[in-house]
Every structure is written in C-alpha cells, then in structure tokens.
Amino acid sequence: MKAQEKCFAGETGSNPDAAVLRAIELVKKATKACRFSPTCRTIPGAGGHVPDTIGLLAALIRHKAKGAVIGMIVDEEAGKRRARRDRRGATS
C-alpha cells in the first residue's frame, strides 16, 4: 500500500459525520466510487471494538447516504488475539 500511495486520491480524518458529508459531495461529480477504509483498530472483523466501528454506519444512515454499501472481511485470528489482549488488560 505504501509503495502505491501516490496512485490514490485520498483524505484522512477521524470524524464519521464529516467523512460521510465529504463523500456525499465527492460522489456528486465523481466518475468512480468513493471508498472509506477504516484503520484495522476499528474493524470488528479484525478484532476491533464494535462501539468504535458503528460510527461510520450511523453517520451514513444519519445523512441518508444513497447507494452506500458496507462490507467486512473477518479475520478470526485477529479477533482472538484482540480478545486475549483485552482479557490481559492490554490496550490498543
């Protein structure tokens, strides 16, 4: 990913509402899809916490985003590692 970073036209941010509103504006004149890519820390399939992950979904619903699709790749091993860290009191 890092080697190909220059090929992407991307923006970063941490506010789901701002991200959704920005995406809604971008897709009005876009010729390609707009994609959100949350960090692995917030992806439930990779062991992230659900409360950290529903913010983007909630923002899409709140702002009535049209044509939005959410997909998830489940990484069972990452989830198990996260559960073990949480039981030991580790933070991510």
PDB file of N, CA and C in Angstrom:
ATOM      1  N   MET A   1       0.827  -1.185   0.000  1.00  0.00           N
ATOM      2  CA  MET A   1       0.000   0.000   0.000  1.00  0.00           C
ATOM      3  C   MET A   1       0.872   1.251   0.000  1.00  0.00           C
ATOM      4  N   LYS A   2       1.863   1.251   0.858  1.00  0.00           N
ATOM      5  CA  LYS A   2       2.707   2.437   0.971  1.00  0.00           C
ATOM      6  C   LYS A   2       3.391   2.748  -0.357  1.00  0.00           C
ATOM      7  N   ALA A   3       3.865   1.728  -1.044  1.00  0.00           N
ATOM      8  CA  ALA A   3       4.552   1.938  -2.315  1.00  0.00           C
ATOM      9  C   ALA A   3       3.618   2.503  -3.384  1.00  0.00           C
ATOM     10  N   GLN A   4       2.330   2.205  -3.278  1.00  0.00           N
ATOM     11  CA  GLN A   4       1.355   2.662  -4.265  1.00  0.00           C
ATOM     12  C   GLN A   4       0.563   3.888  -3.809  1.00  0.00           C
ATOM     13  N   GLU A   5       0.927   4.456  -2.686  1.00  0.00           N
ATOM     14  CA  GLU A   5       0.180   5.558  -2.096  1.00  0.00           C
ATOM     15  C   GLU A   5      -0.060   6.703  -3.077  1.00  0.00           C
ATOM     16  N   LYS A   6       0.901   6.994  -3.917  1.00  0.00           N
ATOM     17  CA  LYS A   6       0.757   8.102  -4.866  1.00  0.00           C
ATOM     18  C   LYS A   6      -0.348   7.853  -5.891  1.00  0.00           C
ATOM     19  N   CYS A   7      -0.764   6.608  -6.046  1.00  0.00           N
ATOM     20  CA  CYS A   7      -1.824   6.261  -7.000  1.00  0.00           C
ATOM     21  C   CYS A   7      -3.216   6.568  -6.460  1.00  0.00           C
ATOM     22  N   PHE A   8      -3.321   6.792  -5.163  1.00  0.00           N
ATOM     23  CA  PHE A   8      -4.617   7.020  -4.546  1.00  0.00           C
ATOM     24  C   PHE A   8      -4.871   8.506  -4.358  1.00  0.00           C
ATOM     25  N   ALA A   9      -6.116   8.901  -4.528  1.00  0.00           N
ATOM     26  CA  ALA A   9      -6.526  10.264  -4.208  1.00  0.00           C
ATOM     27  C   ALA A   9      -7.303  10.153  -2.909  1.00  0.00           C
ATOM     28  N   GLY A  10      -6.643  10.394  -1.800  1.00  0.00           N
ATOM     29  CA  GLY A  10      -7.302  10.136  -0.527  1.00  0.00           C
ATOM     30  C   GLY A  10      -7.212  11.290   0.438  1.00  0.00           C
ATOM     31  N   GLU A  11      -8.069  11.212   1.415  1.00  0.00           N
ATOM     32  CA  GLU A  11      -8.101  12.169   2.507  1.00  0.00           C
ATOM     33  C   GLU A  11      -8.196  11.363   3.790  1.00  0.00           C
ATOM     34  N   THR A  12      -7.732  11.927   4.868  1.00  0.00           N
ATOM     35  CA  THR A  12      -7.843  11.245   6.147  1.00  0.00           C
ATOM     36  C   THR A  12      -8.640  12.107   7.113  1.00  0.00           C
ATOM     37  N   GLY A  13      -9.200  11.465   8.100  1.00  0.00           N
ATOM     38  CA  GLY A  13      -9.951  12.180   9.120  1.00  0.00           C
ATOM     39  C   GLY A  13     -10.435  11.215  10.169  1.00  0.00           C
ATOM     40  N   SER A  14     -10.984  11.741  11.237  1.00  0.00           N
ATOM     41  CA  SER A  14     -11.442  10.869  12.315  1.00  0.00           C
ATOM     42  C   SER A  14     -12.902  11.109  12.681  1.00  0.00           C
ATOM     43  N   ASN A  15     -13.585  11.989  11.968  1.00  0.00           N
ATOM     44  CA  ASN A  15     -14.971  12.296  12.272  1.00  0.00           C
ATOM     45  C   ASN A  15     -15.877  11.632  11.246  1.00  0.00           C
ATOM     46  N   PRO A  16     -16.652  10.632  11.655  1.00  0.00           N
ATOM     47  CA  PRO A  16     -17.502   9.917  10.696  1.00  0.00           C
ATOM     48  C   PRO A  16     -18.499  10.819   9.980  1.00  0.00           C
ATOM     49  N   ASP A  17     -19.100  11.771  10.694  1.00  0.00           N
ATOM     50  CA  ASP A  17     -20.058  12.671  10.049  1.00  0.00           C
ATOM     51  C   ASP A  17     -19.403  13.522   8.978  1.00  0.00           C
ATOM     52  N   ALA A  18     -18.235  14.068   9.297  1.00  0.00           N
ATOM     53  CA  ALA A  18     -17.519  14.879   8.318  1.00  0.00           C
ATOM     54  C   ALA A  18     -17.113  14.035   7.113  1.00  0.00           C
ATOM     55  N   ALA A  19     -16.700  12.801   7.357  1.00  0.00           N
ATOM     56  CA  ALA A  19     -16.286  11.926   6.260  1.00  0.00           C
ATOM     57  C   ALA A  19     -17.460  11.608   5.338  1.00  0.00           C
ATOM     58  N   VAL A  20     -18.610  11.309   5.921  1.00  0.00           N
ATOM     59  CA  VAL A  20     -19.786  10.987   5.110  1.00  0.00           C
ATOM     60  C   VAL A  20     -20.240  12.207   4.318  1.00  0.00           C
ATOM     61  N   LEU A  21     -20.286  13.358   4.958  1.00  0.00           N
ATOM     62  CA  LEU A  21     -20.686  14.571   4.235  1.00  0.00           C
ATOM     63  C   LEU A  21     -19.720  14.883   3.102  1.00  0.00           C
ATOM     64  N   ARG A  22     -18.435  14.688   3.341  1.00  0.00           N
ATOM     65  CA  ARG A  22     -17.437  14.914   2.286  1.00  0.00           C
ATOM     66  C   ARG A  22     -17.637  13.923   1.142  1.00  0.00           C
ATOM     67  N   ALA A  23     -17.890  12.668   1.473  1.00  0.00           N
ATOM     68  CA  ALA A  23     -18.117  11.643   0.447  1.00  0.00           C
ATOM     69  C   ALA A  23     -19.359  11.964  -0.375  1.00  0.00           C
ATOM     70  N   ILE A  24     -20.411  12.409   0.280  1.00  0.00           N
ATOM     71  CA  ILE A  24     -21.638  12.762  -0.439  1.00  0.00           C
ATOM     72  C   ILE A  24     -21.351  13.865  -1.455  1.00  0.00           C
ATOM     73  N   GLU A  25     -20.554  14.837  -1.064  1.00  0.00           N
ATOM     74  CA  GLU A  25     -20.182  15.906  -2.003  1.00  0.00           C
ATOM     75  C   GLU A  25     -19.318  15.374  -3.141  1.00  0.00           C
ATOM     76  N   LEU A  26     -18.348  14.517  -2.817  1.00  0.00           N
ATOM     77  CA  LEU A  26     -17.442  13.987  -3.838  1.00  0.00           C
ATOM     78  C   LEU A  26     -18.166  13.139  -4.882  1.00  0.00           C
ATOM     79  N   VAL A  27     -19.108  12.307  -4.445  1.00  0.00           N
ATOM     80  CA  VAL A  27     -19.754  11.406  -5.399  1.00  0.00           C
ATOM     81  C   VAL A  27     -20.691  12.139  -6.355  1.00  0.00           C
ATOM     82  N   LYS A  28     -21.071  13.353  -6.032  1.00  0.00           N
ATOM     83  CA  LYS A  28     -21.930  14.129  -6.937  1.00  0.00           C
ATOM     84  C   LYS A  28     -21.255  14.363  -8.274  1.00  0.00           C
ATOM     85  N   LYS A  29     -19.918  14.470  -8.274  1.00  0.00           N
ATOM     86  CA  LYS A  29     -19.202  14.722  -9.528  1.00  0.00           C
ATOM     87  C   LYS A  29     -18.151  13.650  -9.836  1.00  0.00           C
ATOM     88  N   ALA A  30     -18.189  12.568  -9.078  1.00  0.00           N
ATOM     89  CA  ALA A  30     -17.187  11.508  -9.244  1.00  0.00           C
ATOM     90  C   ALA A  30     -17.527  10.600 -10.423  1.00  0.00           C
ATOM     91  N   THR A  31     -16.488  10.051 -11.012  1.00  0.00           N
ATOM     92  CA  THR A  31     -16.664   9.057 -12.072  1.00  0.00           C
ATOM     93  C   THR A  31     -16.340   7.657 -11.543  1.00  0.00           C
ATOM     94  N   LYS A  32     -15.874   7.608 -10.303  1.00  0.00           N
ATOM     95  CA  LYS A  32     -15.549   6.334  -9.653  1.00  0.00           C
ATOM     96  C   LYS A  32     -16.186   6.318  -8.268  1.00  0.00           C
ATOM     97  N   ALA A  33     -16.209   5.150  -7.670  1.00  0.00           N
ATOM     98  CA  ALA A  33     -16.784   5.005  -6.334  1.00  0.00           C
ATOM     99  C   ALA A  33     -15.938   5.711  -5.284  1.00  0.00           C
ATOM    100  N   CYS A  34     -16.573   6.107  -4.225  1.00  0.00           N
ATOM    101  CA  CYS A  34     -15.892   6.676  -3.068  1.00  0.00           C
ATOM    102  C   CYS A  34     -15.784   5.570  -2.032  1.00  0.00           C
ATOM    103  N   ARG A  35     -14.627   5.400  -1.452  1.00  0.00           N
ATOM    104  CA  ARG A  35     -14.398   4.279  -0.535  1.00  0.00           C
ATOM    105  C   ARG A  35     -13.851   4.769   0.789  1.00  0.00           C
ATOM    106  N   PHE A  36     -14.414   4.257   1.866  1.00  0.00           N
ATOM    107  CA  PHE A  36     -13.886   4.509   3.202  1.00  0.00           C
ATOM    108  C   PHE A  36     -13.040   3.315   3.585  1.00  0.00           C
ATOM    109  N   SER A  37     -11.932   3.562   4.218  1.00  0.00           N
ATOM    110  CA  SER A  37     -11.080   2.466   4.660  1.00  0.00           C
ATOM    111  C   SER A  37     -10.657   2.732   6.094  1.00  0.00           C
ATOM    112  N   PRO A  38     -11.434   2.231   7.060  1.00  0.00           N
ATOM    113  CA  PRO A  38     -11.064   2.466   8.447  1.00  0.00           C
ATOM    114  C   PRO A  38      -9.796   1.705   8.819  1.00  0.00           C
ATOM    115  N   THR A  39      -9.143   2.180   9.846  1.00  0.00           N
ATOM    116  CA  THR A  39      -7.927   1.508  10.297  1.00  0.00           C
ATOM    117  C   THR A  39      -8.274   0.154  10.888  1.00  0.00           C
ATOM    118  N   CYS A  40      -7.306  -0.742  10.918  1.00  0.00           N
ATOM    119  CA  CYS A  40      -7.567  -2.087  11.424  1.00  0.00           C
ATOM    120  C   CYS A  40      -8.010  -2.068  12.874  1.00  0.00           C
ATOM    121  N   ARG A  41      -7.650  -1.068  13.619  1.00  0.00           N
ATOM    122  CA  ARG A  41      -8.043  -0.977  15.029  1.00  0.00           C
ATOM    123  C   ARG A  41      -9.555  -0.875  15.170  1.00  0.00           C
ATOM    124  N   THR A  42     -10.225  -0.351  14.145  1.00  0.00           N
ATOM    125  CA  THR A  42     -11.661  -0.136  14.271  1.00  0.00           C
ATOM    126  C   THR A  42     -12.489  -1.134  13.481  1.00  0.00           C
ATOM    127  N   ILE A  43     -11.871  -2.110  12.877  1.00  0.00           N
ATOM    128  CA  ILE A  43     -12.609  -3.082  12.083  1.00  0.00           C
ATOM    129  C   ILE A  43     -12.969  -4.279  12.962  1.00  0.00           C
ATOM    130  N   PRO A  44     -14.276  -4.532  13.178  1.00  0.00           N
ATOM    131  CA  PRO A  44     -14.641  -5.623  14.074  1.00  0.00           C
ATOM    132  C   PRO A  44     -14.149  -6.979  13.590  1.00  0.00           C
ATOM    133  N   GLY A  45     -14.092  -7.211  12.304  1.00  0.00           N
ATOM    134  CA  GLY A  45     -13.634  -8.494  11.784  1.00  0.00           C
ATOM    135  C   GLY A  45     -12.163  -8.733  12.025  1.00  0.00           C
ATOM    136  N   ALA A  46     -11.430  -7.669  12.365  1.00  0.00           N
ATOM    137  CA  ALA A  46     -10.012  -7.809  12.667  1.00  0.00           C
ATOM    138  C   ALA A  46      -9.755  -7.628  14.155  1.00  0.00           C
ATOM    139  N   GLY A  47     -10.820  -7.704  14.939  1.00  0.00           N
ATOM    140  CA  GLY A  47     -10.653  -7.628  16.384  1.00  0.00           C
ATOM    141  C   GLY A  47     -10.949  -6.277  16.984  1.00  0.00           C
ATOM    142  N   GLY A  48     -11.476  -5.351  16.198  1.00  0.00           N
ATOM    143  CA  GLY A  48     -11.807  -4.027  16.724  1.00  0.00           C
ATOM    144  C   GLY A  48     -13.044  -4.083  17.610  1.00  0.00           C
ATOM    145  N   HIS A  49     -13.255  -3.039  18.355  1.00  0.00           N
ATOM    146  CA  HIS A  49     -14.416  -2.950  19.232  1.00  0.00           C
ATOM    147  C   HIS A  49     -15.622  -2.469  18.440  1.00  0.00           C
ATOM    148  N   VAL A  50     -16.759  -3.121  18.613  1.00  0.00           N
ATOM    149  CA  VAL A  50     -17.969  -2.733  17.890  1.00  0.00           C
ATOM    150  C   VAL A  50     -18.344  -1.274  18.129  1.00  0.00           C
ATOM    151  N   PRO A  51     -18.293  -0.757  19.381  1.00  0.00           N
ATOM    152  CA  PRO A  51     -18.651   0.658  19.554  1.00  0.00           C
ATOM    153  C   PRO A  51     -17.772   1.598  18.728  1.00  0.00           C
ATOM    154  N   ASP A  52     -16.541   1.194  18.421  1.00  0.00           N
ATOM    155  CA  ASP A  52     -15.653   2.014  17.609  1.00  0.00           C
ATOM    156  C   ASP A  52     -16.001   1.935  16.125  1.00  0.00           C
ATOM    157  N   THR A  53     -16.785   0.954  15.727  1.00  0.00           N
ATOM    158  CA  THR A  53     -16.972   0.696  14.308  1.00  0.00           C
ATOM    159  C   THR A  53     -18.311   1.131  13.763  1.00  0.00           C
ATOM    160  N   ILE A  54     -19.310   1.297  14.602  1.00  0.00           N
ATOM    161  CA  ILE A  54     -20.627   1.626  14.079  1.00  0.00           C
ATOM    162  C   ILE A  54     -20.794   3.106  13.789  1.00  0.00           C
ATOM    163  N   GLY A  55     -19.808   3.908  14.136  1.00  0.00           N
ATOM    164  CA  GLY A  55     -19.896   5.344  13.886  1.00  0.00           C
ATOM    165  C   GLY A  55     -20.071   5.679  12.415  1.00  0.00           C
ATOM    166  N   LEU A  56     -19.339   5.002  11.550  1.00  0.00           N
ATOM    167  CA  LEU A  56     -19.454   5.272  10.123  1.00  0.00           C
ATOM    168  C   LEU A  56     -20.810   4.832   9.597  1.00  0.00           C
ATOM    169  N   LEU A  57     -21.273   3.664  10.011  1.00  0.00           N
ATOM    170  CA  LEU A  57     -22.600   3.191   9.612  1.00  0.00           C
ATOM    171  C   LEU A  57     -23.674   4.167  10.090  1.00  0.00           C
ATOM    172  N   ALA A  58     -23.585   4.580  11.339  1.00  0.00           N
ATOM    173  CA  ALA A  58     -24.564   5.513  11.888  1.00  0.00           C
ATOM    174  C   ALA A  58     -24.556   6.834  11.121  1.00  0.00           C
ATOM    175  N   ALA A  59     -23.375   7.310  10.762  1.00  0.00           N
ATOM    176  CA  ALA A  59     -23.269   8.562  10.007  1.00  0.00           C
ATOM    177  C   ALA A  59     -23.869   8.411   8.606  1.00  0.00           C
ATOM    178  N   LEU A  60     -23.641   7.260   7.960  1.00  0.00           N
ATOM    179  CA  LEU A  60     -24.236   7.025   6.640  1.00  0.00           C
ATOM    180  C   LEU A  60     -25.763   7.072   6.730  1.00  0.00           C
ATOM    181  N   ILE A  61     -26.299   6.470   7.766  1.00  0.00           N
ATOM    182  CA  ILE A  61     -27.752   6.475   7.955  1.00  0.00           C
ATOM    183  C   ILE A  61     -28.251   7.876   8.296  1.00  0.00           C
ATOM    184  N   ARG A  62     -27.570   8.533   9.220  1.00  0.00           N
ATOM    185  CA  ARG A  62     -27.960   9.875   9.658  1.00  0.00           C
ATOM    186  C   ARG A  62     -28.039  10.852   8.496  1.00  0.00           C
ATOM    187  N   HIS A  63     -27.097  10.734   7.574  1.00  0.00           N
ATOM    188  CA  HIS A  63     -27.025  11.678   6.449  1.00  0.00           C
ATOM    189  C   HIS A  63     -27.683  11.136   5.188  1.00  0.00           C
ATOM    190  N   LYS A  64     -28.395  10.017   5.332  1.00  0.00           N
ATOM    191  CA  LYS A  64     -29.164   9.418   4.241  1.00  0.00           C
ATOM    192  C   LYS A  64     -28.326   9.216   2.977  1.00  0.00           C
ATOM    193  N   ALA A  65     -27.141   8.666   3.153  1.00  0.00           N
ATOM    194  CA  ALA A  65     -26.239   8.406   2.029  1.00  0.00           C
ATOM    195  C   ALA A  65     -26.901   7.412   1.071  1.00  0.00           C
ATOM    196  N   LYS A  66     -26.966   7.767  -0.184  1.00  0.00           N
ATOM    197  CA  LYS A  66     -27.597   6.913  -1.202  1.00  0.00           C
ATOM    198  C   LYS A  66     -26.564   5.980  -1.816  1.00  0.00           C
ATOM    199  N   GLY A  67     -26.952   4.739  -2.030  1.00  0.00           N
ATOM    200  CA  GLY A  67     -26.077   3.782  -2.702  1.00  0.00           C
ATOM    201  C   GLY A  67     -24.892   3.314  -1.880  1.00  0.00           C
ATOM    202  N   ALA A  68     -24.935   3.536  -0.571  1.00  0.00           N
ATOM    203  CA  ALA A  68     -23.814   3.130   0.284  1.00  0.00           C
ATOM    204  C   ALA A  68     -23.865   1.628   0.535  1.00  0.00           C
ATOM    205  N   VAL A  69     -22.718   1.015   0.543  1.00  0.00           N
ATOM    206  CA  VAL A  69     -22.588  -0.416   0.807  1.00  0.00           C
ATOM    207  C   VAL A  69     -21.506  -0.598   1.855  1.00  0.00           C
ATOM    208  N   ILE A  70     -21.745  -1.493   2.794  1.00  0.00           N
ATOM    209  CA  ILE A  70     -20.736  -1.793   3.814  1.00  0.00           C
ATOM    210  C   ILE A  70     -20.354  -3.257   3.672  1.00  0.00           C
ATOM    211  N   GLY A  71     -19.062  -3.522   3.641  1.00  0.00           N
ATOM    212  CA  GLY A  71     -18.560  -4.886   3.574  1.00  0.00           C
ATOM    213  C   GLY A  71     -17.559  -5.109   4.674  1.00  0.00           C
ATOM    214  N   MET A  72     -17.391  -6.353   5.048  1.00  0.00           N
ATOM    215  CA  MET A  72     -16.453  -6.672   6.112  1.00  0.00           C
ATOM    216  C   MET A  72     -15.706  -7.959   5.764  1.00  0.00           C
ATOM    217  N   ILE A  73     -14.430  -7.937   6.005  1.00  0.00           N
ATOM    218  CA  ILE A  73     -13.611  -9.133   5.888  1.00  0.00           C
ATOM    219  C   ILE A  73     -13.310  -9.573   7.312  1.00  0.00           C
ATOM    220  N   VAL A  74     -13.682 -10.775   7.643  1.00  0.00           N
ATOM    221  CA  VAL A  74     -13.500 -11.258   9.005  1.00  0.00           C
ATOM    222  C   VAL A  74     -12.149 -11.952   9.135  1.00  0.00           C
ATOM    223  N   ASP A  75     -11.391 -11.539  10.121  1.00  0.00           N
ATOM    224  CA  ASP A  75     -10.106 -12.156  10.428  1.00  0.00           C
ATOM    225  C   ASP A  75     -10.233 -12.781  11.817  1.00  0.00           C
ATOM    226  N   GLU A  76     -10.622 -14.041  11.858  1.00  0.00           N
ATOM    227  CA  GLU A  76     -10.892 -14.721  13.120  1.00  0.00           C
ATOM    228  C   GLU A  76      -9.673 -14.718  14.036  1.00  0.00           C
ATOM    229  N   GLU A  77      -8.496 -14.937  13.478  1.00  0.00           N
ATOM    230  CA  GLU A  77      -7.284 -14.975  14.307  1.00  0.00           C
ATOM    231  C   GLU A  77      -7.011 -13.617  14.943  1.00  0.00           C
ATOM    232  N   ALA A  78      -7.206 -12.533  14.192  1.00  0.00           N
ATOM    233  CA  ALA A  78      -7.006 -11.199  14.765  1.00  0.00           C
ATOM    234  C   ALA A  78      -8.006 -10.946  15.882  1.00  0.00           C
ATOM    235  N   GLY A  79      -9.232 -11.405  15.701  1.00  0.00           N
ATOM    236  CA  GLY A  79     -10.239 -11.254  16.738  1.00  0.00           C
ATOM    237  C   GLY A  79      -9.860 -11.994  18.010  1.00  0.00           C
ATOM    238  N   LYS A  80      -9.334 -13.193  17.846  1.00  0.00           N
ATOM    239  CA  LYS A  80      -8.905 -13.977  19.004  1.00  0.00           C
ATOM    240  C   LYS A  80      -7.736 -13.298  19.717  1.00  0.00           C
ATOM    241  N   ARG A  81      -6.783 -12.759  18.936  1.00  0.00           N
ATOM    242  CA  ARG A  81      -5.651 -12.053  19.555  1.00  0.00           C
ATOM    243  C   ARG A  81      -6.154 -10.850  20.343  1.00  0.00           C
ATOM    244  N   ARG A  82      -7.097 -10.110  19.768  1.00  0.00           N
ATOM    245  CA  ARG A  82      -7.643  -8.938  20.445  1.00  0.00           C
ATOM    246  C   ARG A  82      -8.337  -9.351  21.740  1.00  0.00           C
ATOM    247  N   ALA A  83      -9.095 -10.433  21.697  1.00  0.00           N
ATOM    248  CA  ALA A  83      -9.792 -10.915  22.897  1.00  0.00           C
ATOM    249  C   ALA A  83      -8.786 -11.290  23.982  1.00  0.00           C
ATOM    250  N   ARG A  84      -7.688 -11.950  23.594  1.00  0.00           N
ATOM    251  CA  ARG A  84      -6.668 -12.321  24.583  1.00  0.00           C
ATOM    252  C   ARG A  84      -6.031 -11.072  25.188  1.00  0.00           C
ATOM    253  N   ARG A  85      -5.716 -10.071  24.349  1.00  0.00           N
ATOM    254  CA  ARG A  85      -5.136  -8.812  24.870  1.00  0.00           C
ATOM    255  C   ARG A  85      -6.103  -8.132  25.827  1.00  0.00           C
ATOM    256  N   ASP A  86      -7.392  -8.099  25.465  1.00  0.00           N
ATOM    257  CA  ASP A  86      -8.381  -7.445  26.313  1.00  0.00           C
ATOM    258  C   ASP A  86      -8.499  -8.133  27.663  1.00  0.00           C
ATOM    259  N   ARG A  87      -8.419  -9.466  27.664  1.00  0.00           N
ATOM    260  CA  ARG A  87      -8.509 -10.198  28.933  1.00  0.00           C
ATOM    261  C   ARG A  87      -7.294  -9.905  29.812  1.00  0.00           C
ATOM    262  N   ARG A  88      -6.146  -9.622  29.191  1.00  0.00           N
ATOM    263  CA  ARG A  88      -4.939  -9.319  29.966  1.00  0.00           C
ATOM    264  C   ARG A  88      -4.904  -7.856  30.381  1.00  0.00           C
ATOM    265  N   GLY A  89      -5.838  -7.051  29.876  1.00  0.00           N
ATOM    266  CA  GLY A  89      -5.859  -5.634  30.238  1.00  0.00           C
ATOM    267  C   GLY A  89      -5.011  -4.770  29.339  1.00  0.00           C
ATOM    268  N   ALA A  90      -4.560  -5.324  28.213  1.00  0.00           N
ATOM    269  CA  ALA A  90      -3.765  -4.517  27.279  1.00  0.00           C
ATOM    270  C   ALA A  90      -4.677  -3.557  26.536  1.00  0.00           C
ATOM    271  N   THR A  91      -4.082  -2.476  26.089  1.00  0.00           N
ATOM    272  CA  THR A  91      -4.841  -1.502  25.281  1.00  0.00           C
ATOM    273  C   THR A  91      -4.254  -1.488  23.893  1.00  0.00           C
ATOM    274  N   SER A  92      -5.072  -1.048  22.936  1.00  0.00           N
ATOM    275  CA  SER A  92      -4.568  -0.966  21.557  1.00  0.00           C
ATOM    276  C   SER A  92      -4.338   0.457  21.172  1.00  0.00           C
TER     277      SER A  92
END
